[in-house]
Amino acid sequence: RAQAILRDEVSSQDLDLQQIAARAGLSKFHFVRAFRKKTGMTPIRYLNSLRIDIAKQKLQTRTRPVIEIAADVGFTDLSGFNKAFKRHAGMSPTQYRNFFQAGALRDL
């Protein structure tokens, strides 16, 4: 249930753990503990992982600027998005797009 609640918040830029915990019927502290026990990561890290996965899909299929994709998935600044993306994917969003497009071109 908690994971489903966070999936609903993927594009939200104003994430409030207190409100999400309340929606799950838990205190903020208990929500974070229970979530980490179930998933192995904090709610914020889980949410960022979901956001980056969606961004990866958008980078593969669209030519929109990276900053627009970052905003689409709930990041308020490009720097934070770039850091989170690199931590999750091992490369910058632009490198990911270029890598994916180069691979797609070889497959033609």
C-alpha atoms as a PDB file:
ATOM      1  CA  ARG A   1       0.000   0.000   0.000  1.00  0.00           C
ATOM      2  CA  ALA A   2       2.786   2.445   0.870  1.00  0.00           C
ATOM      3  CA  GLN A   3       4.540   1.780  -2.440  1.00  0.00           C
ATOM      4  CA  ALA A   4       1.304   2.466  -4.323  1.00  0.00           C
ATOM      5  CA  ILE A   5       0.875   5.742  -2.468  1.00  0.00           C
ATOM      6  CA  LEU A   6       4.398   6.801  -3.444  1.00  0.00           C
ATOM      7  CA  ARG A   7       3.826   5.803  -7.075  1.00  0.00           C
ATOM      8  CA  ASP A   8       0.956   8.303  -7.077  1.00  0.00           C
ATOM      9  CA  GLU A   9       3.424  10.985  -5.965  1.00  0.00           C
ATOM     10  CA  VAL A  10       5.999  10.431  -8.729  1.00  0.00           C
ATOM     11  CA  SER A  11       5.367  13.716 -10.523  1.00  0.00           C
ATOM     12  CA  SER A  12       4.696  15.697  -7.356  1.00  0.00           C
ATOM     13  CA  GLN A  13       7.360  18.276  -6.621  1.00  0.00           C
ATOM     14  CA  ASP A  14       6.043  18.954  -3.116  1.00  0.00           C
ATOM     15  CA  LEU A  15       6.447  15.598  -1.447  1.00  0.00           C
ATOM     16  CA  ASP A  16       5.337  15.664   2.177  1.00  0.00           C
ATOM     17  CA  LEU A  17       6.161  12.464   4.036  1.00  0.00           C
ATOM     18  CA  GLN A  18       3.830  13.440   6.879  1.00  0.00           C
ATOM     19  CA  GLN A  19       0.869  13.548   4.476  1.00  0.00           C
ATOM     20  CA  ILE A  20       1.866  10.318   2.760  1.00  0.00           C
ATOM     21  CA  ALA A  21       2.257   8.576   6.120  1.00  0.00           C
ATOM     22  CA  ALA A  22      -1.178   9.833   7.135  1.00  0.00           C
ATOM     23  CA  ARG A  23      -2.649   8.427   3.897  1.00  0.00           C
ATOM     24  CA  ALA A  24      -1.115   5.081   4.847  1.00  0.00           C
ATOM     25  CA  GLY A  25      -2.585   5.401   8.342  1.00  0.00           C
ATOM     26  CA  LEU A  26       0.803   5.621  10.067  1.00  0.00           C
ATOM     27  CA  SER A  27       2.956   8.162  11.843  1.00  0.00           C
ATOM     28  CA  LYS A  28       5.804   9.569   9.771  1.00  0.00           C
ATOM     29  CA  PHE A  29       8.406   7.720  11.865  1.00  0.00           C
ATOM     30  CA  HIS A  30       6.599   4.380  11.656  1.00  0.00           C
ATOM     31  CA  PHE A  31       5.944   4.835   7.935  1.00  0.00           C
ATOM     32  CA  VAL A  32       9.649   5.393   7.175  1.00  0.00           C
ATOM     33  CA  ARG A  33      10.689   2.413   9.347  1.00  0.00           C
ATOM     34  CA  ALA A  34       8.069   0.075   7.872  1.00  0.00           C
ATOM     35  CA  PHE A  35       8.787   1.209   4.348  1.00  0.00           C
ATOM     36  CA  ARG A  36      12.531   0.708   4.736  1.00  0.00           C
ATOM     37  CA  LYS A  37      11.986  -2.736   6.262  1.00  0.00           C
ATOM     38  CA  LYS A  38       9.798  -3.814   3.350  1.00  0.00           C
ATOM     39  CA  THR A  39      11.759  -2.270   0.462  1.00  0.00           C
ATOM     40  CA  GLY A  40      15.285  -1.897   1.799  1.00  0.00           C
ATOM     41  CA  MET A  41      15.292   1.825   1.081  1.00  0.00           C
ATOM     42  CA  THR A  42      13.801   5.041   2.390  1.00  0.00           C
ATOM     43  CA  PRO A  43      10.615   6.386   0.823  1.00  0.00           C
ATOM     44  CA  ILE A  44      12.523   9.279  -0.763  1.00  0.00           C
ATOM     45  CA  ARG A  45      15.134   6.990  -2.322  1.00  0.00           C
ATOM     46  CA  TYR A  46      12.344   4.707  -3.586  1.00  0.00           C
ATOM     47  CA  LEU A  47      10.451   7.644  -5.060  1.00  0.00           C
ATOM     48  CA  ASN A  48      13.584   8.985  -6.737  1.00  0.00           C
ATOM     49  CA  SER A  49      14.221   5.527  -8.183  1.00  0.00           C
ATOM     50  CA  LEU A  50      10.722   5.499  -9.688  1.00  0.00           C
ATOM     51  CA  ARG A  51      11.234   9.015 -11.039  1.00  0.00           C
ATOM     52  CA  ILE A  52      14.547   8.073 -12.642  1.00  0.00           C
ATOM     53  CA  ASP A  53      13.044   4.951 -14.226  1.00  0.00           C
ATOM     54  CA  ILE A  54      10.324   7.089 -15.813  1.00  0.00           C
ATOM     55  CA  ALA A  55      12.921   9.652 -16.920  1.00  0.00           C
ATOM     56  CA  LYS A  56      14.965   6.878 -18.545  1.00  0.00           C
ATOM     57  CA  GLN A  57      11.941   5.862 -20.609  1.00  0.00           C
ATOM     58  CA  LYS A  58      11.345   9.460 -21.642  1.00  0.00           C
ATOM     59  CA  LEU A  59      15.007   9.928 -22.570  1.00  0.00           C
ATOM     60  CA  GLN A  60      14.817   6.858 -24.809  1.00  0.00           C
ATOM     61  CA  THR A  61      11.712   7.903 -26.691  1.00  0.00           C
ATOM     62  CA  ARG A  62      11.727  11.687 -26.732  1.00  0.00           C
ATOM     63  CA  THR A  63      13.993  14.506 -27.820  1.00  0.00           C
ATOM     64  CA  ARG A  64      12.667  17.012 -25.298  1.00  0.00           C
ATOM     65  CA  PRO A  65      15.261  18.874 -23.226  1.00  0.00           C
ATOM     66  CA  VAL A  66      16.514  17.064 -20.144  1.00  0.00           C
ATOM     67  CA  ILE A  67      15.334  19.917 -17.900  1.00  0.00           C
ATOM     68  CA  GLU A  68      11.738  19.404 -19.103  1.00  0.00           C
ATOM     69  CA  ILE A  69      11.927  15.669 -18.451  1.00  0.00           C
ATOM     70  CA  ALA A  70      13.333  16.384 -14.985  1.00  0.00           C
ATOM     71  CA  ALA A  71      10.351  18.647 -14.249  1.00  0.00           C
ATOM     72  CA  ASP A  72       7.919  16.052 -15.646  1.00  0.00           C
ATOM     73  CA  VAL A  73       9.099  13.484 -13.119  1.00  0.00           C
ATOM     74  CA  GLY A  74       9.049  15.840 -10.139  1.00  0.00           C
ATOM     75  CA  PHE A  75      12.537  17.308  -9.829  1.00  0.00           C
ATOM     76  CA  THR A  76      12.621  21.031  -9.168  1.00  0.00           C
ATOM     77  CA  ASP A  77      16.181  21.651 -10.300  1.00  0.00           C
ATOM     78  CA  LEU A  78      18.401  20.161 -12.977  1.00  0.00           C
ATOM     79  CA  SER A  79      21.388  19.728 -10.670  1.00  0.00           C
ATOM     80  CA  GLY A  80      19.462  17.515  -8.258  1.00  0.00           C
ATOM     81  CA  PHE A  81      18.045  15.510 -11.146  1.00  0.00           C
ATOM     82  CA  ASN A  82      21.485  15.016 -12.705  1.00  0.00           C
ATOM     83  CA  LYS A  83      22.964  13.818  -9.390  1.00  0.00           C
ATOM     84  CA  ALA A  84      20.092  11.429  -8.699  1.00  0.00           C
ATOM     85  CA  PHE A  85      20.124  10.121 -12.267  1.00  0.00           C
ATOM     86  CA  LYS A  86      23.873   9.492 -12.230  1.00  0.00           C
ATOM     87  CA  ARG A  87      23.649   7.743  -8.842  1.00  0.00           C
ATOM     88  CA  HIS A  88      20.854   5.496 -10.144  1.00  0.00           C
ATOM     89  CA  ALA A  89      21.933   4.917 -13.771  1.00  0.00           C
ATOM     90  CA  GLY A  90      25.701   5.311 -13.553  1.00  0.00           C
ATOM     91  CA  MET A  91      25.785   8.100 -16.136  1.00  0.00           C
ATOM     92  CA  SER A  92      24.286  11.530 -16.743  1.00  0.00           C
ATOM     93  CA  PRO A  93      20.885  11.869 -18.444  1.00  0.00           C
ATOM     94  CA  THR A  94      22.554  13.227 -21.604  1.00  0.00           C
ATOM     95  CA  GLN A  95      25.059  10.365 -21.664  1.00  0.00           C
ATOM     96  CA  TYR A  96      22.186   7.919 -21.179  1.00  0.00           C
ATOM     97  CA  ARG A  97      20.226   9.440 -24.061  1.00  0.00           C
ATOM     98  CA  ASN A  98      23.289   9.416 -26.337  1.00  0.00           C
ATOM     99  CA  PHE A  99      24.181   5.839 -25.350  1.00  0.00           C
ATOM    100  CA  PHE A 100      20.643   4.626 -25.956  1.00  0.00           C
ATOM    101  CA  GLN A 101      20.299   6.444 -29.289  1.00  0.00           C
ATOM    102  CA  ALA A 102      23.676   5.155 -30.505  1.00  0.00           C
ATOM    103  CA  GLY A 103      22.605   1.606 -29.653  1.00  0.00           C
ATOM    104  CA  ALA A 104      19.270   2.085 -31.370  1.00  0.00           C
ATOM    105  CA  LEU A 105      21.013   3.351 -34.516  1.00  0.00           C
ATOM    106  CA  ARG A 106      23.291   0.281 -34.609  1.00  0.00           C
ATOM    107  CA  ASP A 107      20.223  -1.969 -34.484  1.00  0.00           C
ATOM    108  CA  LEU A 108      18.755  -0.488 -37.698  1.00  0.00           C
END
